[in-house]
């Protein structure tokens, strides 16, 4: 699966408020919160329509990203320090969300130690990333 945001209107909106919302990916390019181009797209997982992504967030240091899927699965990917097109992100770990509906928002703390998730179940959960060890392997 290649993670991309294809809606140009969405990108225009994110570009305007990017300082507040961290990092986004759009049209095969990665942008930081200031709208500066910092890399290319990352490939995550395999092409599988059954695993629809509901939300994504890169860490403030751009070393990893958390991907939330509609089925409640969360995966942490380590991002390679490369500018190669279609660089393969390595899955580090995965766990199940305790939310009862799909996650719609993910945010890292400024030091990347904590992760906040907001869900369609109208709850916000904040956890230490080091404690997210419910592995599914």
N, C-alpha and C. Protein backbone atom coordinates (compact mmCIF):
# COMPACT_ATOMS: atom_id res chain seq x y z
N UNK A 1 0.85 -1.16 0.00
CA UNK A 1 0.00 0.00 0.00
C UNK A 1 0.90 1.23 0.00
N UNK A 2 0.61 2.17 -0.84
CA UNK A 2 1.34 3.42 -0.87
C UNK A 2 0.46 4.45 -0.21
N UNK A 3 1.00 5.10 0.81
CA UNK A 3 0.22 6.07 1.57
C UNK A 3 0.35 7.43 0.91
N UNK A 4 -0.76 7.95 0.42
CA UNK A 4 -0.75 9.24 -0.23
C UNK A 4 -2.07 9.95 0.03
N UNK A 5 -2.03 11.25 0.02
CA UNK A 5 -3.25 12.06 0.07
C UNK A 5 -3.39 12.67 -1.31
N UNK A 6 -4.46 12.37 -2.01
CA UNK A 6 -4.59 12.78 -3.41
C UNK A 6 -5.45 14.03 -3.61
N UNK A 7 -6.19 14.46 -2.65
CA UNK A 7 -7.10 15.58 -2.80
C UNK A 7 -6.34 16.89 -2.67
N UNK A 8 -6.25 17.66 -3.75
CA UNK A 8 -5.47 18.90 -3.72
C UNK A 8 -6.11 19.95 -2.81
N UNK A 9 -7.44 19.95 -2.69
CA UNK A 9 -8.11 20.88 -1.78
C UNK A 9 -7.70 20.59 -0.34
N UNK A 10 -7.63 19.31 0.01
CA UNK A 10 -7.19 18.92 1.35
C UNK A 10 -5.77 19.42 1.60
N UNK A 11 -4.88 19.26 0.61
CA UNK A 11 -3.50 19.70 0.79
C UNK A 11 -3.44 21.21 0.98
N UNK A 12 -4.23 21.97 0.22
CA UNK A 12 -4.24 23.42 0.38
C UNK A 12 -4.62 23.80 1.81
N UNK A 13 -5.63 23.14 2.36
CA UNK A 13 -6.05 23.40 3.72
C UNK A 13 -4.95 23.04 4.71
N UNK A 14 -4.34 21.85 4.53
CA UNK A 14 -3.26 21.43 5.43
C UNK A 14 -2.09 22.38 5.34
N UNK A 15 -1.77 22.85 4.14
CA UNK A 15 -0.65 23.77 3.98
C UNK A 15 -0.89 25.05 4.77
N UNK A 16 -2.12 25.52 4.82
CA UNK A 16 -2.45 26.75 5.54
C UNK A 16 -2.38 26.58 7.05
N UNK A 17 -2.72 25.40 7.56
CA UNK A 17 -2.71 25.17 9.01
C UNK A 17 -1.64 24.17 9.43
N UNK A 18 -0.71 23.90 8.54
CA UNK A 18 0.32 22.88 8.79
C UNK A 18 1.15 23.12 10.02
N UNK A 19 1.38 24.38 10.39
CA UNK A 19 2.16 24.68 11.58
C UNK A 19 1.52 24.06 12.82
N UNK A 20 0.21 23.97 12.84
CA UNK A 20 -0.49 23.43 14.00
C UNK A 20 -0.65 21.91 13.94
N UNK A 21 -0.60 21.33 12.77
CA UNK A 21 -0.93 19.92 12.64
C UNK A 21 0.23 19.01 12.30
N UNK A 22 1.47 19.48 12.35
CA UNK A 22 2.60 18.57 12.15
C UNK A 22 2.86 18.26 10.70
N UNK A 23 3.11 17.01 10.42
CA UNK A 23 3.58 16.61 9.10
C UNK A 23 2.51 15.87 8.32
N UNK A 24 2.51 16.07 7.00
CA UNK A 24 1.57 15.39 6.13
C UNK A 24 2.29 14.85 4.91
N UNK A 25 1.64 13.94 4.21
CA UNK A 25 2.18 13.44 2.95
C UNK A 25 1.18 13.76 1.86
N UNK A 26 1.67 14.16 0.69
CA UNK A 26 0.78 14.52 -0.40
C UNK A 26 1.48 14.30 -1.73
N UNK A 27 0.78 13.69 -2.66
CA UNK A 27 1.24 13.51 -4.03
C UNK A 27 2.70 13.10 -4.11
N UNK A 28 3.07 12.05 -3.41
CA UNK A 28 4.40 11.44 -3.45
C UNK A 28 5.49 12.30 -2.82
N UNK A 29 5.12 13.35 -2.12
CA UNK A 29 6.12 14.19 -1.45
C UNK A 29 5.77 14.26 0.02
N UNK A 30 6.78 14.40 0.87
CA UNK A 30 6.54 14.57 2.29
C UNK A 30 6.84 16.01 2.65
N UNK A 31 5.95 16.59 3.45
CA UNK A 31 6.07 17.99 3.84
C UNK A 31 6.09 18.08 5.36
N UNK A 32 6.87 19.01 5.89
CA UNK A 32 6.84 19.21 7.34
C UNK A 32 5.76 20.21 7.69
N UNK A 33 5.63 20.54 8.96
CA UNK A 33 4.57 21.42 9.43
C UNK A 33 4.66 22.83 8.91
N UNK A 34 5.81 23.22 8.38
CA UNK A 34 5.97 24.57 7.83
C UNK A 34 5.73 24.60 6.33
N UNK A 35 5.35 23.47 5.76
CA UNK A 35 5.10 23.41 4.33
C UNK A 35 6.35 23.22 3.50
N UNK A 36 7.46 22.86 4.11
CA UNK A 36 8.72 22.66 3.40
C UNK A 36 8.83 21.21 2.94
N UNK A 37 9.30 21.02 1.71
CA UNK A 37 9.48 19.66 1.19
C UNK A 37 10.68 19.02 1.90
N UNK A 38 10.47 17.85 2.51
CA UNK A 38 11.54 17.20 3.26
C UNK A 38 11.82 15.78 2.79
N UNK A 39 11.15 15.27 1.81
CA UNK A 39 11.42 13.92 1.35
C UNK A 39 10.40 13.43 0.36
N UNK A 40 10.42 12.15 0.10
CA UNK A 40 9.52 11.53 -0.85
C UNK A 40 8.58 10.57 -0.14
N UNK A 41 7.73 9.92 -0.89
CA UNK A 41 6.74 9.03 -0.28
C UNK A 41 7.38 7.77 0.27
N UNK A 42 6.67 7.14 1.20
CA UNK A 42 7.08 5.86 1.77
C UNK A 42 6.05 4.82 1.42
N UNK A 43 6.51 3.63 1.16
CA UNK A 43 5.62 2.50 0.90
C UNK A 43 5.43 1.76 2.21
N UNK A 44 4.17 1.51 2.57
CA UNK A 44 3.89 0.77 3.81
C UNK A 44 3.05 -0.44 3.47
N UNK A 45 3.49 -1.58 3.93
CA UNK A 45 2.74 -2.81 3.75
C UNK A 45 2.61 -3.23 2.30
N UNK A 46 1.57 -3.97 2.01
CA UNK A 46 1.30 -4.48 0.67
C UNK A 46 -0.04 -3.91 0.20
N UNK A 47 -0.30 -4.03 -1.10
CA UNK A 47 -1.59 -3.60 -1.63
C UNK A 47 -2.67 -4.53 -1.09
N UNK A 48 -3.56 -4.00 -0.27
CA UNK A 48 -4.62 -4.80 0.34
C UNK A 48 -5.79 -3.89 0.65
N UNK A 49 -6.85 -4.01 -0.12
CA UNK A 49 -8.02 -3.16 0.08
C UNK A 49 -8.72 -3.41 1.41
N UNK A 50 -8.49 -4.56 2.02
CA UNK A 50 -9.14 -4.89 3.29
C UNK A 50 -8.59 -4.07 4.45
N UNK A 51 -7.38 -3.55 4.30
CA UNK A 51 -6.75 -2.77 5.38
C UNK A 51 -6.78 -1.29 5.01
N UNK A 52 -7.91 -0.65 5.23
CA UNK A 52 -8.04 0.76 4.90
C UNK A 52 -7.48 1.63 6.01
N UNK A 53 -6.68 2.60 5.63
CA UNK A 53 -6.06 3.52 6.58
C UNK A 53 -7.09 4.58 6.99
N UNK A 54 -7.21 4.82 8.30
CA UNK A 54 -8.12 5.86 8.77
C UNK A 54 -7.38 7.12 9.18
N UNK A 55 -6.10 6.99 9.56
CA UNK A 55 -5.35 8.15 10.04
C UNK A 55 -3.86 7.83 10.06
N UNK A 56 -3.03 8.85 9.89
CA UNK A 56 -1.56 8.71 9.89
C UNK A 56 -0.95 9.92 10.57
N UNK A 57 0.15 9.70 11.28
CA UNK A 57 0.90 10.83 11.85
C UNK A 57 2.38 10.47 11.92
N UNK A 58 3.24 11.37 11.47
CA UNK A 58 4.69 11.21 11.60
C UNK A 58 5.14 11.80 12.92
N UNK A 59 6.18 11.21 13.49
CA UNK A 59 6.74 11.73 14.74
C UNK A 59 7.42 13.07 14.47
N UNK A 60 7.56 13.93 15.48
CA UNK A 60 8.20 15.23 15.29
C UNK A 60 9.62 15.14 14.74
N UNK A 61 10.33 14.05 15.05
CA UNK A 61 11.69 13.89 14.55
C UNK A 61 11.75 13.16 13.21
N UNK A 62 10.60 12.81 12.64
CA UNK A 62 10.47 12.12 11.35
C UNK A 62 11.16 10.76 11.31
N UNK A 63 11.34 10.14 12.46
CA UNK A 63 11.96 8.81 12.50
C UNK A 63 10.95 7.69 12.37
N UNK A 64 9.70 7.96 12.73
CA UNK A 64 8.67 6.92 12.63
C UNK A 64 7.33 7.56 12.33
N UNK A 65 6.38 6.71 11.96
CA UNK A 65 5.01 7.17 11.79
C UNK A 65 4.08 6.09 12.31
N UNK A 66 2.95 6.54 12.81
CA UNK A 66 1.91 5.64 13.29
C UNK A 66 0.78 5.66 12.27
N UNK A 67 0.34 4.48 11.87
CA UNK A 67 -0.76 4.34 10.92
C UNK A 67 -1.90 3.62 11.63
N UNK A 68 -3.09 4.22 11.60
CA UNK A 68 -4.28 3.61 12.18
C UNK A 68 -5.16 3.09 11.04
N UNK A 69 -5.67 1.89 11.23
CA UNK A 69 -6.53 1.26 10.24
C UNK A 69 -7.97 1.22 10.76
N UNK A 70 -8.91 1.14 9.84
CA UNK A 70 -10.33 1.15 10.20
C UNK A 70 -10.69 0.01 11.14
N UNK A 71 -9.99 -1.11 11.04
CA UNK A 71 -10.30 -2.28 11.87
C UNK A 71 -9.73 -2.18 13.29
N UNK A 72 -9.16 -1.03 13.67
CA UNK A 72 -8.66 -0.84 15.03
C UNK A 72 -7.19 -1.16 15.21
N UNK A 73 -6.54 -1.62 14.17
CA UNK A 73 -5.12 -1.94 14.23
C UNK A 73 -4.29 -0.67 14.10
N UNK A 74 -3.25 -0.56 14.90
CA UNK A 74 -2.27 0.53 14.77
C UNK A 74 -0.92 -0.10 14.50
N UNK A 75 -0.16 0.53 13.61
CA UNK A 75 1.18 0.05 13.29
C UNK A 75 2.17 1.20 13.37
N UNK A 76 3.33 0.90 13.95
CA UNK A 76 4.42 1.87 13.99
C UNK A 76 5.42 1.47 12.92
N UNK A 77 5.73 2.40 12.03
CA UNK A 77 6.71 2.17 10.97
C UNK A 77 7.94 3.03 11.23
N UNK A 78 9.12 2.45 11.08
CA UNK A 78 10.37 3.19 11.15
C UNK A 78 10.64 3.72 9.75
N UNK A 79 10.92 5.02 9.65
CA UNK A 79 11.12 5.64 8.35
C UNK A 79 12.61 5.70 8.02
N UNK A 80 13.01 5.19 6.87
CA UNK A 80 14.42 5.22 6.50
C UNK A 80 14.86 6.65 6.19
N UNK A 81 16.09 6.95 6.49
CA UNK A 81 16.65 8.27 6.21
C UNK A 81 17.20 8.25 4.79
N UNK A 82 16.30 8.35 3.82
CA UNK A 82 16.70 8.30 2.42
C UNK A 82 15.77 9.18 1.61
N UNK A 83 16.24 9.58 0.45
CA UNK A 83 15.39 10.35 -0.46
C UNK A 83 15.02 9.51 -1.68
N UNK A 84 15.26 8.21 -1.62
CA UNK A 84 14.91 7.32 -2.73
C UNK A 84 13.40 7.27 -2.91
N UNK A 85 12.97 7.24 -4.15
CA UNK A 85 11.54 7.13 -4.44
C UNK A 85 11.05 5.77 -3.94
N UNK A 86 9.89 5.76 -3.32
CA UNK A 86 9.27 4.54 -2.80
C UNK A 86 10.14 3.80 -1.80
N UNK A 87 10.77 4.54 -0.90
CA UNK A 87 11.57 3.92 0.17
C UNK A 87 10.66 3.04 1.01
N UNK A 88 11.13 1.89 1.40
CA UNK A 88 10.32 0.94 2.16
C UNK A 88 10.41 1.25 3.65
N UNK A 89 9.29 1.62 4.23
CA UNK A 89 9.23 1.84 5.68
C UNK A 89 9.14 0.48 6.36
N UNK A 90 9.85 0.32 7.46
CA UNK A 90 9.89 -0.96 8.16
C UNK A 90 8.91 -0.95 9.33
N UNK A 91 8.00 -1.95 9.37
CA UNK A 91 7.08 -2.03 10.49
C UNK A 91 7.84 -2.47 11.74
N UNK A 92 7.71 -1.69 12.80
CA UNK A 92 8.41 -1.96 14.05
C UNK A 92 7.54 -2.79 15.00
N UNK A 93 6.27 -2.40 15.12
CA UNK A 93 5.34 -3.13 16.00
C UNK A 93 3.91 -2.77 15.61
N UNK A 94 2.99 -3.54 16.12
CA UNK A 94 1.57 -3.27 15.89
C UNK A 94 0.78 -3.67 17.13
N UNK A 95 -0.36 -3.02 17.32
CA UNK A 95 -1.20 -3.31 18.47
C UNK A 95 -2.63 -2.92 18.13
N UNK A 96 -3.56 -3.38 18.94
CA UNK A 96 -4.98 -3.06 18.76
C UNK A 96 -5.34 -1.85 19.60
N UNK A 97 -6.14 -1.00 19.03
CA UNK A 97 -6.65 0.16 19.74
C UNK A 97 -7.68 -0.28 20.78
N UNK A 98 -7.80 0.49 21.84
CA UNK A 98 -8.86 0.24 22.82
C UNK A 98 -10.10 1.07 22.52
N UNK A 99 -10.06 1.84 21.43
CA UNK A 99 -11.24 2.59 20.99
C UNK A 99 -12.27 1.60 20.44
N UNK A 100 -13.53 2.00 20.46
CA UNK A 100 -14.60 1.15 19.95
C UNK A 100 -15.05 1.56 18.54
N UNK A 101 -14.39 2.55 17.96
CA UNK A 101 -14.68 3.01 16.60
C UNK A 101 -13.34 3.40 15.95
N UNK A 102 -13.33 3.63 14.64
CA UNK A 102 -12.07 3.96 13.97
C UNK A 102 -11.42 5.23 14.52
N UNK A 103 -10.10 5.22 14.56
CA UNK A 103 -9.31 6.38 14.99
C UNK A 103 -9.32 7.40 13.87
N UNK A 104 -9.58 8.64 14.21
CA UNK A 104 -9.65 9.73 13.23
C UNK A 104 -8.53 10.74 13.40
N UNK A 105 -7.81 10.68 14.52
CA UNK A 105 -6.77 11.67 14.80
C UNK A 105 -5.66 11.02 15.61
N UNK A 106 -4.42 11.25 15.20
CA UNK A 106 -3.25 10.80 15.95
C UNK A 106 -2.32 11.99 16.09
N UNK A 107 -1.79 12.20 17.29
CA UNK A 107 -0.80 13.26 17.52
C UNK A 107 0.25 12.76 18.49
N UNK A 108 1.51 13.09 18.19
CA UNK A 108 2.63 12.82 19.08
C UNK A 108 2.83 14.01 20.01
N UNK A 109 3.38 13.75 21.19
CA UNK A 109 3.84 14.85 22.04
C UNK A 109 5.09 15.43 21.39
N UNK A 110 5.51 16.61 21.79
CA UNK A 110 6.66 17.26 21.16
C UNK A 110 7.95 16.47 21.32
N UNK A 111 8.06 15.66 22.37
CA UNK A 111 9.26 14.84 22.58
C UNK A 111 9.08 13.41 22.09
N UNK A 112 7.98 13.12 21.43
CA UNK A 112 7.65 11.80 20.87
C UNK A 112 7.50 10.71 21.93
N UNK A 113 7.32 11.07 23.18
CA UNK A 113 7.18 10.07 24.25
C UNK A 113 5.73 9.62 24.43
N UNK A 114 4.77 10.47 24.04
CA UNK A 114 3.36 10.14 24.24
C UNK A 114 2.62 10.22 22.91
N UNK A 115 1.52 9.46 22.86
CA UNK A 115 0.69 9.42 21.67
C UNK A 115 -0.76 9.65 22.08
N UNK A 116 -1.41 10.59 21.41
CA UNK A 116 -2.83 10.84 21.65
C UNK A 116 -3.61 10.35 20.43
N UNK A 117 -4.72 9.65 20.68
CA UNK A 117 -5.58 9.19 19.60
C UNK A 117 -7.01 9.65 19.88
N UNK A 118 -7.64 10.16 18.85
CA UNK A 118 -9.04 10.56 18.93
C UNK A 118 -9.84 9.67 18.00
N UNK A 119 -11.02 9.28 18.44
CA UNK A 119 -11.79 8.29 17.70
C UNK A 119 -13.21 8.76 17.41
N UNK A 120 -13.84 8.07 16.47
CA UNK A 120 -15.25 8.32 16.17
C UNK A 120 -16.15 7.87 17.32
N UNK A 121 -15.57 7.23 18.35
CA UNK A 121 -16.36 6.87 19.54
C UNK A 121 -16.42 8.03 20.54
N UNK A 122 -15.95 9.21 20.13
CA UNK A 122 -16.00 10.45 20.92
C UNK A 122 -15.08 10.41 22.14
N UNK A 123 -13.99 9.64 22.05
CA UNK A 123 -13.02 9.61 23.15
C UNK A 123 -11.64 10.00 22.64
N UNK A 124 -10.84 10.51 23.56
CA UNK A 124 -9.45 10.84 23.32
C UNK A 124 -8.63 10.04 24.32
N UNK A 125 -7.63 9.32 23.84
CA UNK A 125 -6.79 8.51 24.73
C UNK A 125 -5.35 8.94 24.55
N UNK A 126 -4.65 9.09 25.67
CA UNK A 126 -3.24 9.49 25.67
C UNK A 126 -2.46 8.39 26.37
N UNK A 127 -1.42 7.89 25.71
CA UNK A 127 -0.62 6.80 26.26
C UNK A 127 0.86 7.07 26.02
N UNK A 128 1.70 6.53 26.89
CA UNK A 128 3.13 6.56 26.66
C UNK A 128 3.45 5.56 25.55
N UNK A 129 4.20 5.98 24.56
CA UNK A 129 4.51 5.11 23.43
C UNK A 129 5.27 3.87 23.88
N UNK A 130 6.14 4.01 24.86
CA UNK A 130 6.90 2.87 25.36
C UNK A 130 5.98 1.79 25.95
N UNK A 131 4.79 2.18 26.41
CA UNK A 131 3.85 1.22 27.01
C UNK A 131 2.97 0.51 25.98
N UNK A 132 3.05 0.93 24.73
CA UNK A 132 2.22 0.32 23.68
C UNK A 132 2.91 -0.94 23.20
N UNK A 133 2.75 -2.01 23.96
CA UNK A 133 3.49 -3.25 23.69
C UNK A 133 2.58 -4.43 23.39
N UNK A 134 1.30 -4.20 23.18
CA UNK A 134 0.38 -5.30 22.89
C UNK A 134 0.62 -5.81 21.47
N UNK A 135 1.62 -6.61 21.31
CA UNK A 135 2.02 -7.10 19.99
C UNK A 135 1.03 -8.13 19.47
N UNK A 136 0.87 -8.17 18.17
CA UNK A 136 -0.02 -9.15 17.54
C UNK A 136 0.75 -10.24 16.82
N UNK A 137 2.06 -10.25 16.93
CA UNK A 137 2.84 -11.28 16.23
C UNK A 137 2.84 -12.55 16.99
